[in-house]
C-alpha cells in the first residue's frame, strides 16, 4: 500500500468529508448545480485574505487548484 493512502481509498485520489461538501458553494451564495466562476472565487479570495478569514482562504485555494487537476 502506498504511503498516506488509507485502505479502500484509490491511489492518488482525494476524499472530501461528507460534512464539508458544499460548504464553499454555500459561503459563495451559489445555488446547487450553478458553477462558481474563477473570477468570482479570485475576488472572494482577495477579500478573505484581507479580512484574515483563513478557513475560507484554504477552501478557495483548494477549489482554484483543483480546477487544474486532470479529471
PDB file of N, CA and C in Angstrom:
ATOM      1  N   UNK A   1       0.839  -1.169   0.000  1.00  0.00           N
ATOM      2  CA  UNK A   1       0.000   0.000   0.000  1.00  0.00           C
ATOM      3  C   UNK A   1       0.893   1.244   0.000  1.00  0.00           C
ATOM      4  N   UNK A   2       0.503   2.239  -0.764  1.00  0.00           N
ATOM      5  CA  UNK A   2       1.283   3.469  -0.878  1.00  0.00           C
ATOM      6  C   UNK A   2       1.248   4.256   0.431  1.00  0.00           C
ATOM      7  N   UNK A   3       2.254   5.047   0.649  1.00  0.00           N
ATOM      8  CA  UNK A   3       2.358   5.855   1.855  1.00  0.00           C
ATOM      9  C   UNK A   3       1.253   6.911   1.851  1.00  0.00           C
ATOM     10  N   UNK A   4       0.530   7.029   2.942  1.00  0.00           N
ATOM     11  CA  UNK A   4      -0.504   8.052   3.069  1.00  0.00           C
ATOM     12  C   UNK A   4      -1.840   7.690   2.455  1.00  0.00           C
ATOM     13  N   UNK A   5      -1.946   6.465   1.911  1.00  0.00           N
ATOM     14  CA  UNK A   5      -3.204   6.047   1.308  1.00  0.00           C
ATOM     15  C   UNK A   5      -3.900   5.098   2.262  1.00  0.00           C
ATOM     16  N   UNK A   6      -5.114   5.419   2.620  1.00  0.00           N
ATOM     17  CA  UNK A   6      -5.878   4.588   3.534  1.00  0.00           C
ATOM     18  C   UNK A   6      -6.490   3.415   2.784  1.00  0.00           C
ATOM     19  N   UNK A   7      -6.759   2.363   3.512  1.00  0.00           N
ATOM     20  CA  UNK A   7      -7.371   1.188   2.921  1.00  0.00           C
ATOM     21  C   UNK A   7      -8.727   1.565   2.325  1.00  0.00           C
ATOM     22  N   UNK A   8      -8.974   1.155   1.116  1.00  0.00           N
ATOM     23  CA  UNK A   8     -10.230   1.453   0.442  1.00  0.00           C
ATOM     24  C   UNK A   8     -10.209   2.742  -0.355  1.00  0.00           C
ATOM     25  N   UNK A   9      -9.142   3.518  -0.241  1.00  0.00           N
ATOM     26  CA  UNK A   9      -9.034   4.771  -0.976  1.00  0.00           C
ATOM     27  C   UNK A   9      -8.161   4.538  -2.203  1.00  0.00           C
ATOM     28  N   UNK A  10      -8.589   5.010  -3.337  1.00  0.00           N
ATOM     29  CA  UNK A  10      -7.824   4.850  -4.563  1.00  0.00           C
ATOM     30  C   UNK A  10      -6.501   5.591  -4.464  1.00  0.00           C
ATOM     31  N   UNK A  11      -5.480   5.027  -5.050  1.00  0.00           N
ATOM     32  CA  UNK A  11      -4.165   5.664  -5.036  1.00  0.00           C
ATOM     33  C   UNK A  11      -4.254   7.003  -5.771  1.00  0.00           C
ATOM     34  N   UNK A  12      -3.805   8.038  -5.116  1.00  0.00           N
ATOM     35  CA  UNK A  12      -3.808   9.353  -5.739  1.00  0.00           C
ATOM     36  C   UNK A  12      -5.148  10.060  -5.663  1.00  0.00           C
ATOM     37  N   UNK A  13      -6.148   9.401  -5.108  1.00  0.00           N
ATOM     38  CA  UNK A  13      -7.461  10.010  -5.013  1.00  0.00           C
ATOM     39  C   UNK A  13      -7.540  10.955  -3.832  1.00  0.00           C
ATOM     40  N   UNK A  14      -8.586  11.736  -3.795  1.00  0.00           N
ATOM     41  CA  UNK A  14      -8.781  12.651  -2.682  1.00  0.00           C
ATOM     42  C   UNK A  14     -10.159  12.395  -2.113  1.00  0.00           C
ATOM     43  N   UNK A  15     -10.248  12.417  -0.809  1.00  0.00           N
ATOM     44  CA  UNK A  15     -11.503  12.140  -0.136  1.00  0.00           C
ATOM     45  C   UNK A  15     -11.920  13.377   0.651  1.00  0.00           C
ATOM     46  N   UNK A  16     -13.046  13.968   0.259  1.00  0.00           N
ATOM     47  CA  UNK A  16     -13.578  15.128   0.969  1.00  0.00           C
ATOM     48  C   UNK A  16     -14.688  14.624   1.881  1.00  0.00           C
ATOM     49  N   UNK A  17     -14.601  14.977   3.165  1.00  0.00           N
ATOM     50  CA  UNK A  17     -15.608  14.532   4.120  1.00  0.00           C
ATOM     51  C   UNK A  17     -16.991  15.013   3.690  1.00  0.00           C
ATOM     52  N   UNK A  18     -17.976  14.169   3.922  1.00  0.00           N
ATOM     53  CA  UNK A  18     -19.345  14.479   3.544  1.00  0.00           C
ATOM     54  C   UNK A  18     -19.821  15.779   4.190  1.00  0.00           C
ATOM     55  N   UNK A  19     -19.378  16.023   5.423  1.00  0.00           N
ATOM     56  CA  UNK A  19     -19.788  17.236   6.146  1.00  0.00           C
ATOM     57  C   UNK A  19     -19.231  18.502   5.503  1.00  0.00           C
ATOM     58  N   UNK A  20     -18.131  18.396   4.759  1.00  0.00           N
ATOM     59  CA  UNK A  20     -17.504  19.574   4.158  1.00  0.00           C
ATOM     60  C   UNK A  20     -17.940  19.831   2.720  1.00  0.00           C
ATOM     61  N   UNK A  21     -18.631  18.879   2.108  1.00  0.00           N
ATOM     62  CA  UNK A  21     -19.066  19.053   0.724  1.00  0.00           C
ATOM     63  C   UNK A  21     -20.141  20.134   0.652  1.00  0.00           C
ATOM     64  N   UNK A  22     -19.959  21.092  -0.227  1.00  0.00           N
ATOM     65  CA  UNK A  22     -20.933  22.153  -0.440  1.00  0.00           C
ATOM     66  C   UNK A  22     -20.751  23.371   0.454  1.00  0.00           C
ATOM     67  N   UNK A  23     -19.784  23.352   1.356  1.00  0.00           N
ATOM     68  CA  UNK A  23     -19.584  24.497   2.245  1.00  0.00           C
ATOM     69  C   UNK A  23     -19.162  25.742   1.476  1.00  0.00           C
ATOM     70  N   UNK A  24     -18.252  25.584   0.529  1.00  0.00           N
ATOM     71  CA  UNK A  24     -17.781  26.736  -0.236  1.00  0.00           C
ATOM     72  C   UNK A  24     -18.908  27.306  -1.090  1.00  0.00           C
ATOM     73  N   UNK A  25     -19.667  26.433  -1.700  1.00  0.00           N
ATOM     74  CA  UNK A  25     -20.795  26.875  -2.536  1.00  0.00           C
ATOM     75  C   UNK A  25     -21.779  27.695  -1.697  1.00  0.00           C
ATOM     76  N   UNK A  26     -22.021  27.236  -0.465  1.00  0.00           N
ATOM     77  CA  UNK A  26     -22.947  27.943   0.422  1.00  0.00           C
ATOM     78  C   UNK A  26     -22.383  29.304   0.811  1.00  0.00           C
ATOM     79  N   UNK A  27     -21.073  29.357   1.121  1.00  0.00           N
ATOM     80  CA  UNK A  27     -20.439  30.616   1.501  1.00  0.00           C
ATOM     81  C   UNK A  27     -20.402  31.599   0.333  1.00  0.00           C
ATOM     82  N   UNK A  28     -20.312  31.071  -0.889  1.00  0.00           N
ATOM     83  CA  UNK A  28     -20.273  31.925  -2.073  1.00  0.00           C
ATOM     84  C   UNK A  28     -21.679  32.384  -2.471  1.00  0.00           C
ATOM     85  N   UNK A  29     -22.716  31.770  -1.921  1.00  0.00           N
ATOM     86  CA  UNK A  29     -24.089  32.160  -2.229  1.00  0.00           C
ATOM     87  C   UNK A  29     -24.585  31.630  -3.557  1.00  0.00           C
ATOM     88  N   UNK A  30     -23.986  30.531  -4.021  1.00  0.00           N
ATOM     89  CA  UNK A  30     -24.390  29.942  -5.301  1.00  0.00           C
ATOM     90  C   UNK A  30     -25.412  28.842  -5.066  1.00  0.00           C
ATOM     91  N   UNK A  31     -26.309  28.685  -6.016  1.00  0.00           N
ATOM     92  CA  UNK A  31     -27.312  27.634  -5.927  1.00  0.00           C
ATOM     93  C   UNK A  31     -26.691  26.302  -6.328  1.00  0.00           C
ATOM     94  N   UNK A  32     -27.317  25.224  -5.895  1.00  0.00           N
ATOM     95  CA  UNK A  32     -26.825  23.898  -6.223  1.00  0.00           C
ATOM     96  C   UNK A  32     -26.903  23.687  -7.735  1.00  0.00           C
ATOM     97  N   UNK A  33     -25.818  23.211  -8.322  1.00  0.00           N
ATOM     98  CA  UNK A  33     -25.761  22.983  -9.759  1.00  0.00           C
ATOM     99  C   UNK A  33     -25.208  24.164 -10.539  1.00  0.00           C
ATOM    100  N   UNK A  34     -25.115  25.310  -9.894  1.00  0.00           N
ATOM    101  CA  UNK A  34     -24.581  26.512 -10.533  1.00  0.00           C
ATOM    102  C   UNK A  34     -23.062  26.505 -10.414  1.00  0.00           C
ATOM    103  N   UNK A  35     -22.365  26.761 -11.519  1.00  0.00           N
ATOM    104  CA  UNK A  35     -20.908  26.782 -11.497  1.00  0.00           C
ATOM    105  C   UNK A  35     -20.391  28.056 -10.852  1.00  0.00           C
ATOM    106  N   UNK A  36     -19.308  27.902 -10.090  1.00  0.00           N
ATOM    107  CA  UNK A  36     -18.644  29.054  -9.492  1.00  0.00           C
ATOM    108  C   UNK A  36     -17.584  29.537 -10.468  1.00  0.00           C
ATOM    109  N   UNK A  37     -17.603  30.806 -10.808  1.00  0.00           N
ATOM    110  CA  UNK A  37     -16.636  31.324 -11.762  1.00  0.00           C
ATOM    111  C   UNK A  37     -15.289  31.532 -11.089  1.00  0.00           C
ATOM    112  N   UNK A  38     -14.235  31.396 -11.876  1.00  0.00           N
ATOM    113  CA  UNK A  38     -12.884  31.590 -11.371  1.00  0.00           C
ATOM    114  C   UNK A  38     -12.687  33.034 -10.934  1.00  0.00           C
ATOM    115  N   UNK A  39     -13.259  33.961 -11.686  1.00  0.00           N
ATOM    116  CA  UNK A  39     -13.125  35.385 -11.350  1.00  0.00           C
ATOM    117  C   UNK A  39     -13.790  35.697 -10.014  1.00  0.00           C
ATOM    118  N   UNK A  40     -14.969  35.128  -9.785  1.00  0.00           N
ATOM    119  CA  UNK A  40     -15.675  35.362  -8.534  1.00  0.00           C
ATOM    120  C   UNK A  40     -14.896  34.777  -7.357  1.00  0.00           C
ATOM    121  N   UNK A  41     -14.330  33.584  -7.563  1.00  0.00           N
ATOM    122  CA  UNK A  41     -13.557  32.959  -6.492  1.00  0.00           C
ATOM    123  C   UNK A  41     -12.273  33.736  -6.219  1.00  0.00           C
ATOM    124  N   UNK A  42     -11.647  34.261  -7.259  1.00  0.00           N
ATOM    125  CA  UNK A  42     -10.414  35.035  -7.080  1.00  0.00           C
ATOM    126  C   UNK A  42     -10.673  36.326  -6.305  1.00  0.00           C
ATOM    127  N   UNK A  43     -11.774  36.997  -6.635  1.00  0.00           N
ATOM    128  CA  UNK A  43     -12.093  38.241  -5.916  1.00  0.00           C
ATOM    129  C   UNK A  43     -12.474  37.943  -4.470  1.00  0.00           C
ATOM    130  N   UNK A  44     -13.187  36.840  -4.246  1.00  0.00           N
ATOM    131  CA  UNK A  44     -13.562  36.440  -2.884  1.00  0.00           C
ATOM    132  C   UNK A  44     -12.310  36.055  -2.091  1.00  0.00           C
ATOM    133  N   UNK A  45     -11.317  35.457  -2.776  1.00  0.00           N
ATOM    134  CA  UNK A  45     -10.058  35.078  -2.143  1.00  0.00           C
ATOM    135  C   UNK A  45      -9.313  36.309  -1.653  1.00  0.00           C
ATOM    136  N   UNK A  46      -9.258  37.335  -2.479  1.00  0.00           N
ATOM    137  CA  UNK A  46      -8.575  38.568  -2.092  1.00  0.00           C
ATOM    138  C   UNK A  46      -9.254  39.204  -0.881  1.00  0.00           C
ATOM    139  N   UNK A  47     -10.576  39.201  -0.872  1.00  0.00           N
ATOM    140  CA  UNK A  47     -11.322  39.773   0.251  1.00  0.00           C
ATOM    141  C   UNK A  47     -11.115  38.952   1.523  1.00  0.00           C
ATOM    142  N   UNK A  48     -11.063  37.632   1.380  1.00  0.00           N
ATOM    143  CA  UNK A  48     -10.874  36.762   2.540  1.00  0.00           C
ATOM    144  C   UNK A  48      -9.472  36.918   3.124  1.00  0.00           C
ATOM    145  N   UNK A  49      -8.491  37.102   2.258  1.00  0.00           N
ATOM    146  CA  UNK A  49      -7.114  37.321   2.727  1.00  0.00           C
ATOM    147  C   UNK A  49      -7.029  38.638   3.495  1.00  0.00           C
ATOM    148  N   UNK A  50      -7.685  39.666   2.970  1.00  0.00           N
ATOM    149  CA  UNK A  50      -7.657  40.974   3.608  1.00  0.00           C
ATOM    150  C   UNK A  50      -8.363  40.931   4.966  1.00  0.00           C
ATOM    151  N   UNK A  51      -9.449  40.160   5.055  1.00  0.00           N
ATOM    152  CA  UNK A  51     -10.216  40.062   6.287  1.00  0.00           C
ATOM    153  C   UNK A  51      -9.583  39.091   7.287  1.00  0.00           C
ATOM    154  N   UNK A  52      -8.655  38.266   6.809  1.00  0.00           N
ATOM    155  CA  UNK A  52      -7.996  37.314   7.697  1.00  0.00           C
ATOM    156  C   UNK A  52      -8.809  36.053   7.944  1.00  0.00           C
ATOM    157  N   UNK A  53      -9.705  35.726   7.031  1.00  0.00           N
ATOM    158  CA  UNK A  53     -10.552  34.536   7.152  1.00  0.00           C
ATOM    159  C   UNK A  53      -9.789  33.335   6.581  1.00  0.00           C
ATOM    160  N   UNK A  54      -8.992  32.677   7.428  1.00  0.00           N
ATOM    161  CA  UNK A  54      -8.111  31.616   6.949  1.00  0.00           C
ATOM    162  C   UNK A  54      -8.860  30.380   6.463  1.00  0.00           C
ATOM    163  N   UNK A  55      -9.978  30.041   7.074  1.00  0.00           N
ATOM    164  CA  UNK A  55     -10.748  28.868   6.654  1.00  0.00           C
ATOM    165  C   UNK A  55     -11.253  29.047   5.230  1.00  0.00           C
ATOM    166  N   UNK A  56     -11.784  30.218   4.933  1.00  0.00           N
ATOM    167  CA  UNK A  56     -12.289  30.496   3.586  1.00  0.00           C
ATOM    168  C   UNK A  56     -11.147  30.565   2.585  1.00  0.00           C
ATOM    169  N   UNK A  57     -10.013  31.114   2.989  1.00  0.00           N
ATOM    170  CA  UNK A  57      -8.845  31.182   2.104  1.00  0.00           C
ATOM    171  C   UNK A  57      -8.421  29.770   1.713  1.00  0.00           C
ATOM    172  N   UNK A  58      -8.356  28.856   2.690  1.00  0.00           N
ATOM    173  CA  UNK A  58      -7.959  27.472   2.403  1.00  0.00           C
ATOM    174  C   UNK A  58      -8.930  26.815   1.438  1.00  0.00           C
ATOM    175  N   UNK A  59     -10.221  27.023   1.635  1.00  0.00           N
ATOM    176  CA  UNK A  59     -11.232  26.419   0.760  1.00  0.00           C
ATOM    177  C   UNK A  59     -11.125  26.967  -0.656  1.00  0.00           C
ATOM    178  N   UNK A  60     -10.939  28.264  -0.782  1.00  0.00           N
ATOM    179  CA  UNK A  60     -10.852  28.876  -2.106  1.00  0.00           C
ATOM    180  C   UNK A  60      -9.588  28.454  -2.845  1.00  0.00           C
ATOM    181  N   UNK A  61      -8.468  28.393  -2.145  1.00  0.00           N
ATOM    182  CA  UNK A  61      -7.214  27.971  -2.773  1.00  0.00           C
ATOM    183  C   UNK A  61      -7.345  26.534  -3.251  1.00  0.00           C
ATOM    184  N   UNK A  62      -7.937  25.671  -2.440  1.00  0.00           N
ATOM    185  CA  UNK A  62      -8.157  24.285  -2.827  1.00  0.00           C
ATOM    186  C   UNK A  62      -9.028  24.212  -4.078  1.00  0.00           C
ATOM    187  N   UNK A  63     -10.116  24.974  -4.094  1.00  0.00           N
ATOM    188  CA  UNK A  63     -11.036  24.953  -5.233  1.00  0.00           C
ATOM    189  C   UNK A  63     -10.355  25.452  -6.504  1.00  0.00           C
ATOM    190  N   UNK A  64      -9.577  26.517  -6.401  1.00  0.00           N
ATOM    191  CA  UNK A  64      -8.894  27.049  -7.570  1.00  0.00           C
ATOM    192  C   UNK A  64      -7.820  26.084  -8.070  1.00  0.00           C
ATOM    193  N   UNK A  65      -7.089  25.436  -7.156  1.00  0.00           N
ATOM    194  CA  UNK A  65      -6.073  24.470  -7.564  1.00  0.00           C
ATOM    195  C   UNK A  65      -6.697  23.223  -8.171  1.00  0.00           C
ATOM    196  N   UNK A  66      -7.828  22.790  -7.644  1.00  0.00           N
ATOM    197  CA  UNK A  66      -8.443  21.559  -8.136  1.00  0.00           C
ATOM    198  C   UNK A  66      -8.972  21.705  -9.564  1.00  0.00           C
ATOM    199  N   UNK A  67      -9.204  22.919  -9.988  1.00  0.00           N
ATOM    200  CA  UNK A  67      -9.639  23.128 -11.382  1.00  0.00           C
ATOM    201  C   UNK A  67      -8.547  22.759 -12.377  1.00  0.00           C
ATOM    202  N   UNK A  68      -7.294  22.786 -11.929  1.00  0.00           N
ATOM    203  CA  UNK A  68      -6.159  22.494 -12.807  1.00  0.00           C
ATOM    204  C   UNK A  68      -5.858  21.012 -12.885  1.00  0.00           C
ATOM    205  N   UNK A  69      -6.448  20.207 -11.995  1.00  0.00           N
ATOM    206  CA  UNK A  69      -6.149  18.779 -11.963  1.00  0.00           C
ATOM    207  C   UNK A  69      -6.755  18.082 -13.148  1.00  0.00           C
ATOM    208  N   UNK A  70      -6.073  17.040 -13.582  1.00  0.00           N
ATOM    209  CA  UNK A  70      -6.580  16.212 -14.665  1.00  0.00           C
ATOM    210  C   UNK A  70      -7.740  15.378 -14.123  1.00  0.00           C
ATOM    211  N   UNK A  71      -8.855  15.409 -14.806  1.00  0.00           N
ATOM    212  CA  UNK A  71     -10.029  14.657 -14.355  1.00  0.00           C
ATOM    213  C   UNK A  71     -10.247  13.430 -15.192  1.00  0.00           C
TER     214      UNK A  71
END
